[in-house]
């Protein structure tokens, strides 16, 4: 009898812990305040879109990193069921409603860690809104750090003419083989895509294709850079002057590496 009661108590405890994310408040956009100059935004981290949990470990490590570094964390949530959101940490600074990844609050920080979200859809929408905000402000340096094991993708930007296309297609067919539920948009993590590509030159070419439209957003007075992990920084567009305002897109395998890399 005691064992039975203990089991029931454990189940209730687990149920309570699991339900914590289902009982959160949504912060109105006008009340979102970002303390400091660095922020982490987690976009639609839901098994509705990442059904095989390819980014589960990545997002949990990312949020843990942010909490350890006292970086504010904001979760974007759409109208899919709460129980499908699979972050281990249910206590960001804010939960904000965002139907399609749109950013309805002021992103005042100049360094953004971007986590979660569909690379080609909701995450892309979030990044375009953010860089549009930044471009309207007085010139300064900005950095977007992509945590690749915490971002999911359907490979829409992989072209049949790419040298790694057949490897990509085969991998995607393998990891989604026989999946139930009629999953029409199979996903893999951005880091898995990099593992398929492998060749650094091809990786950088792919990265250039998935960047938000900085060329349509920032004036030519901005220098634009891209970096993969701790490799040499590539200049996508130079600018006049010794120290022009610079936008850097930094792609990192995982938050687990951030203590090893010379991040801004």
Protein backbone atom coordinates (compact mmCIF):
# COMPACT_ATOMS: atom_id res chain seq x y z
CA UNK A 1 0.00 0.00 0.00
CA UNK A 2 2.80 2.40 0.90
CA UNK A 3 4.53 1.64 -2.38
CA UNK A 4 1.29 2.35 -4.23
CA UNK A 5 0.81 5.68 -2.46
CA UNK A 6 4.44 6.59 -3.12
CA UNK A 7 3.96 5.80 -6.80
CA UNK A 8 0.83 7.97 -6.95
CA UNK A 9 2.69 10.83 -5.23
CA UNK A 10 5.54 10.56 -7.74
CA UNK A 11 3.11 10.60 -10.65
CA UNK A 12 1.35 13.66 -9.27
CA UNK A 13 4.69 15.38 -8.77
CA UNK A 14 5.75 14.62 -12.34
CA UNK A 15 2.37 15.74 -13.64
CA UNK A 16 2.66 19.01 -11.77
CA UNK A 17 6.17 19.62 -13.09
CA UNK A 18 5.13 18.79 -16.65
CA UNK A 19 2.08 21.01 -16.48
CA UNK A 20 4.13 24.07 -15.44
CA UNK A 21 4.61 25.17 -19.04
CA UNK A 22 0.87 24.87 -19.58
CA UNK A 23 0.09 27.42 -16.90
CA UNK A 24 2.23 30.35 -17.96
CA UNK A 25 1.12 33.90 -18.60
CA UNK A 26 1.54 35.64 -21.94
CA UNK A 27 3.29 39.01 -21.73
CA UNK A 28 1.74 41.78 -23.84
CA UNK A 29 4.31 43.06 -26.36
CA UNK A 30 4.33 46.56 -24.91
CA UNK A 31 5.39 45.15 -21.52
CA UNK A 32 8.37 43.18 -22.79
CA UNK A 33 11.51 44.84 -21.44
CA UNK A 34 14.96 43.47 -22.22
CA UNK A 35 17.53 44.14 -19.52
CA UNK A 36 21.04 44.41 -20.88
CA UNK A 37 22.46 44.31 -24.38
CA UNK A 38 22.14 40.57 -25.01
CA UNK A 39 18.99 38.48 -25.42
CA UNK A 40 18.02 34.93 -26.41
CA UNK A 41 14.81 34.42 -28.38
CA UNK A 42 13.38 30.90 -28.69
CA UNK A 43 10.97 30.60 -31.62
CA UNK A 44 8.13 28.03 -31.63
CA UNK A 45 10.02 25.17 -30.00
CA UNK A 46 7.17 22.73 -30.58
CA UNK A 47 6.85 19.10 -31.66
CA UNK A 48 4.06 20.30 -33.93
CA UNK A 49 6.88 21.36 -36.22
CA UNK A 50 9.86 19.34 -34.96
CA UNK A 51 8.11 16.01 -34.45
CA UNK A 52 11.24 13.95 -33.94
CA UNK A 53 12.65 16.35 -31.31
CA UNK A 54 15.81 16.90 -33.37
CA UNK A 55 16.48 20.17 -31.51
CA UNK A 56 15.43 19.11 -27.99
CA UNK A 57 18.93 18.78 -26.52
CA UNK A 58 20.11 21.88 -28.36
CA UNK A 59 17.43 24.18 -27.02
CA UNK A 60 17.77 22.90 -23.46
CA UNK A 61 21.53 23.53 -23.52
CA UNK A 62 20.97 26.95 -25.08
CA UNK A 63 18.55 28.05 -22.37
CA UNK A 64 20.82 26.63 -19.68
CA UNK A 65 23.71 28.65 -21.12
CA UNK A 66 21.61 31.81 -21.16
CA UNK A 67 20.45 31.35 -17.57
CA UNK A 68 24.04 30.72 -16.42
CA UNK A 69 25.19 33.93 -18.15
CA UNK A 70 22.19 35.96 -16.87
CA UNK A 71 20.99 36.51 -20.43
CA UNK A 72 17.23 37.18 -20.63
CA UNK A 73 15.28 34.50 -22.49
CA UNK A 74 12.06 35.08 -24.43
CA UNK A 75 9.88 32.25 -25.73
CA UNK A 76 7.67 32.85 -28.75
CA UNK A 77 4.49 30.78 -28.73
CA UNK A 78 1.86 30.33 -31.41
CA UNK A 79 -1.62 28.82 -31.14
CA UNK A 80 -0.55 25.16 -31.17
CA UNK A 81 -1.26 23.23 -27.93
CA UNK A 82 0.92 24.13 -24.95
CA UNK A 83 1.83 20.51 -24.27
CA UNK A 84 3.68 20.28 -27.58
CA UNK A 85 6.29 22.80 -26.45
CA UNK A 86 9.20 20.69 -25.27
CA UNK A 87 11.67 23.00 -23.53
CA UNK A 88 12.83 21.60 -20.18
CA UNK A 89 12.92 25.09 -18.65
CA UNK A 90 9.44 26.59 -18.37
CA UNK A 91 10.52 29.90 -16.86
CA UNK A 92 11.82 32.41 -19.40
CA UNK A 93 11.62 36.13 -18.70
CA UNK A 94 8.64 36.31 -21.05
CA UNK A 95 6.29 34.15 -23.09
CA UNK A 96 5.10 36.22 -26.05
CA UNK A 97 2.42 35.27 -28.56
CA UNK A 98 3.66 35.19 -32.15
CA UNK A 99 1.50 33.44 -34.73
CA UNK A 100 4.10 33.30 -37.49
CA UNK A 101 7.34 34.31 -35.84
CA UNK A 102 6.62 38.03 -36.08
CA UNK A 103 8.28 40.23 -33.44
CA UNK A 104 5.82 42.67 -31.90
CA UNK A 105 8.09 44.01 -29.14
CA UNK A 106 11.23 46.14 -29.16
CA UNK A 107 14.46 44.16 -29.38
CA UNK A 108 16.76 46.71 -27.76
CA UNK A 109 19.73 44.35 -27.35
CA UNK A 110 22.50 44.42 -29.96
CA UNK A 111 23.47 40.76 -29.55
CA UNK A 112 20.80 38.17 -30.29
CA UNK A 113 21.04 34.44 -29.70
CA UNK A 114 18.46 32.84 -31.97
CA UNK A 115 17.12 29.43 -30.98
CA UNK A 116 14.37 27.15 -32.21
CA UNK A 117 11.96 27.88 -34.95
CA UNK A 118 11.60 26.79 -38.52
CA UNK A 119 14.69 28.16 -40.24
CA UNK A 120 12.88 28.99 -43.48
CA UNK A 121 9.58 30.23 -41.99
CA UNK A 122 8.89 31.46 -38.45
CA UNK A 123 12.53 31.98 -37.52
CA UNK A 124 13.11 33.83 -40.77
CA UNK A 125 10.13 36.09 -40.03
CA UNK A 126 11.49 36.85 -36.55
CA UNK A 127 14.95 37.73 -37.85
CA UNK A 128 13.63 39.97 -40.60
CA UNK A 129 11.53 41.91 -38.10
CA UNK A 130 14.51 42.28 -35.75
CA UNK A 131 17.03 43.49 -38.33
CA UNK A 132 14.42 45.91 -39.65
CA UNK A 133 14.18 47.38 -36.13
CA UNK A 134 17.97 47.59 -35.87
CA UNK A 135 18.38 49.27 -39.25
CA UNK A 136 16.08 52.12 -38.20
CA UNK A 137 18.19 52.96 -35.14
CA UNK A 138 21.41 54.97 -34.92
CA UNK A 139 24.35 52.98 -36.38
CA UNK A 140 26.10 50.50 -34.08
CA UNK A 141 27.48 46.98 -34.17
CA UNK A 142 25.07 44.03 -34.10
CA UNK A 143 25.54 40.28 -33.78
CA UNK A 144 23.17 37.38 -34.39
CA UNK A 145 24.40 34.04 -33.04
CA UNK A 146 22.66 30.99 -34.50
CA UNK A 147 22.78 27.90 -32.27
CA UNK A 148 22.57 25.30 -35.00
CA UNK A 149 21.65 22.24 -32.95
CA UNK A 150 18.61 24.17 -31.67
CA UNK A 151 17.19 25.24 -35.05
CA UNK A 152 15.03 22.97 -37.21
CA UNK A 153 14.69 23.04 -40.99
CA UNK A 154 12.99 21.26 -43.87
CA UNK A 155 15.88 21.92 -46.24
CA UNK A 156 13.86 24.18 -48.49
CA UNK A 157 17.01 26.11 -49.44
CA UNK A 158 18.89 22.97 -50.49
CA UNK A 159 18.83 23.02 -54.27
CA UNK A 160 18.92 19.90 -56.46
CA UNK A 161 22.00 21.37 -58.14
CA UNK A 162 23.94 21.47 -54.84
CA UNK A 163 26.74 18.87 -54.67
CA UNK A 164 25.37 17.54 -51.38
CA UNK A 165 21.72 17.35 -52.47
CA UNK A 166 21.51 13.56 -52.85
CA UNK A 167 23.16 13.01 -49.44
CA UNK A 168 20.67 15.44 -47.92
CA UNK A 169 17.69 13.78 -49.55
CA UNK A 170 18.82 10.31 -48.46
CA UNK A 171 19.39 11.41 -44.86
CA UNK A 172 15.99 13.08 -44.67
CA UNK A 173 14.29 9.99 -46.08
CA UNK A 174 16.03 7.80 -43.50
CA UNK A 175 15.24 9.83 -40.38
CA UNK A 176 11.60 10.28 -41.38
CA UNK A 177 11.02 6.74 -42.65
CA UNK A 178 7.69 5.33 -41.49
CA UNK A 179 6.90 8.23 -39.18
CA UNK A 180 3.25 8.16 -38.11
CA UNK A 181 0.81 11.03 -38.20
CA UNK A 182 1.18 12.05 -41.82
CA UNK A 183 4.05 14.43 -41.17
CA UNK A 184 4.14 16.51 -44.33
CA UNK A 185 7.12 18.66 -43.34
CA UNK A 186 9.90 16.38 -42.07
CA UNK A 187 12.56 18.31 -40.17
CA UNK A 188 16.19 18.02 -39.24
CA UNK A 189 18.40 20.35 -37.26
CA UNK A 190 20.57 22.94 -38.96
CA UNK A 191 23.58 21.22 -37.41
CA UNK A 192 22.58 17.95 -39.08
CA UNK A 193 22.42 19.81 -42.38
CA UNK A 194 25.96 21.06 -41.79
CA UNK A 195 27.00 17.47 -41.06
CA UNK A 196 25.62 16.40 -44.43
CA UNK A 197 27.35 19.23 -46.30
CA UNK A 198 30.69 18.90 -44.42
CA UNK A 199 32.75 20.86 -46.96
CA UNK A 200 33.37 24.26 -45.34
CA UNK A 201 33.15 26.20 -48.58
CA UNK A 202 29.80 24.58 -49.36
CA UNK A 203 28.65 25.20 -45.77
CA UNK A 204 29.39 28.91 -46.11
CA UNK A 205 27.60 29.08 -49.45
CA UNK A 206 24.55 27.46 -47.88
CA UNK A 207 24.70 29.82 -44.90
CA UNK A 208 24.70 32.84 -47.22
CA UNK A 209 21.43 31.59 -48.73
CA UNK A 210 19.63 31.24 -45.39
CA UNK A 211 20.55 34.65 -43.98
CA UNK A 212 17.81 37.25 -43.60
CA UNK A 213 17.78 39.89 -46.34
CA UNK A 214 20.43 42.15 -44.84
CA UNK A 215 21.14 43.56 -48.32
CA UNK A 216 17.60 44.98 -48.48
CA UNK A 217 17.62 46.16 -44.85
CA UNK A 218 20.93 47.73 -43.82
CA UNK A 219 22.35 50.69 -45.76
CA UNK A 220 25.71 50.38 -47.50
CA UNK A 221 27.37 52.16 -44.59
CA UNK A 222 27.15 48.84 -42.70
CA UNK A 223 29.82 46.17 -43.01
CA UNK A 224 28.34 42.64 -43.11
CA UNK A 225 30.22 39.59 -41.83
CA UNK A 226 29.57 35.87 -41.41
CA UNK A 227 31.47 33.33 -39.33
CA UNK A 228 31.13 29.57 -38.84
CA UNK A 229 32.15 28.50 -35.34
CA UNK A 230 35.69 29.82 -34.79
CA UNK A 231 36.78 29.88 -38.43
CA UNK A 232 37.99 32.98 -40.25
CA UNK A 233 35.34 35.69 -40.48
CA UNK A 234 34.13 36.25 -44.04
CA UNK A 235 33.18 39.73 -45.24
CA UNK A 236 29.97 39.67 -47.28
CA UNK A 237 29.99 43.42 -47.83
CA UNK A 238 32.64 45.96 -46.92
CA UNK A 239 31.94 49.57 -45.94
CA UNK A 240 33.85 52.82 -45.95
CA UNK A 241 35.86 54.00 -42.98
CA UNK A 242 38.21 52.39 -40.47
CA UNK A 243 35.52 51.22 -38.07
CA UNK A 244 32.16 51.12 -39.85
CA UNK A 245 29.09 49.77 -38.01
CA UNK A 246 29.10 46.00 -38.49
CA UNK A 247 26.48 43.28 -38.54
CA UNK A 248 27.87 39.82 -37.82
CA UNK A 249 26.05 36.54 -38.40
CA UNK A 250 27.75 33.90 -36.27
CA UNK A 251 26.84 30.23 -36.70
CA UNK A 252 27.78 27.98 -33.77
CA UNK A 253 27.28 24.23 -33.57
CA UNK A 254 25.86 24.26 -30.05
CA UNK A 255 25.61 26.28 -26.85
CA UNK A 256 27.89 23.62 -25.38
CA UNK A 257 30.71 25.17 -27.43
CA UNK A 258 30.18 28.78 -26.45
CA UNK A 259 32.64 28.69 -23.59
CA UNK A 260 35.30 27.48 -26.02
CA UNK A 261 34.68 30.06 -28.75
CA UNK A 262 35.65 33.71 -28.78
CA UNK A 263 32.08 34.96 -28.97
CA UNK A 264 31.37 38.71 -28.78
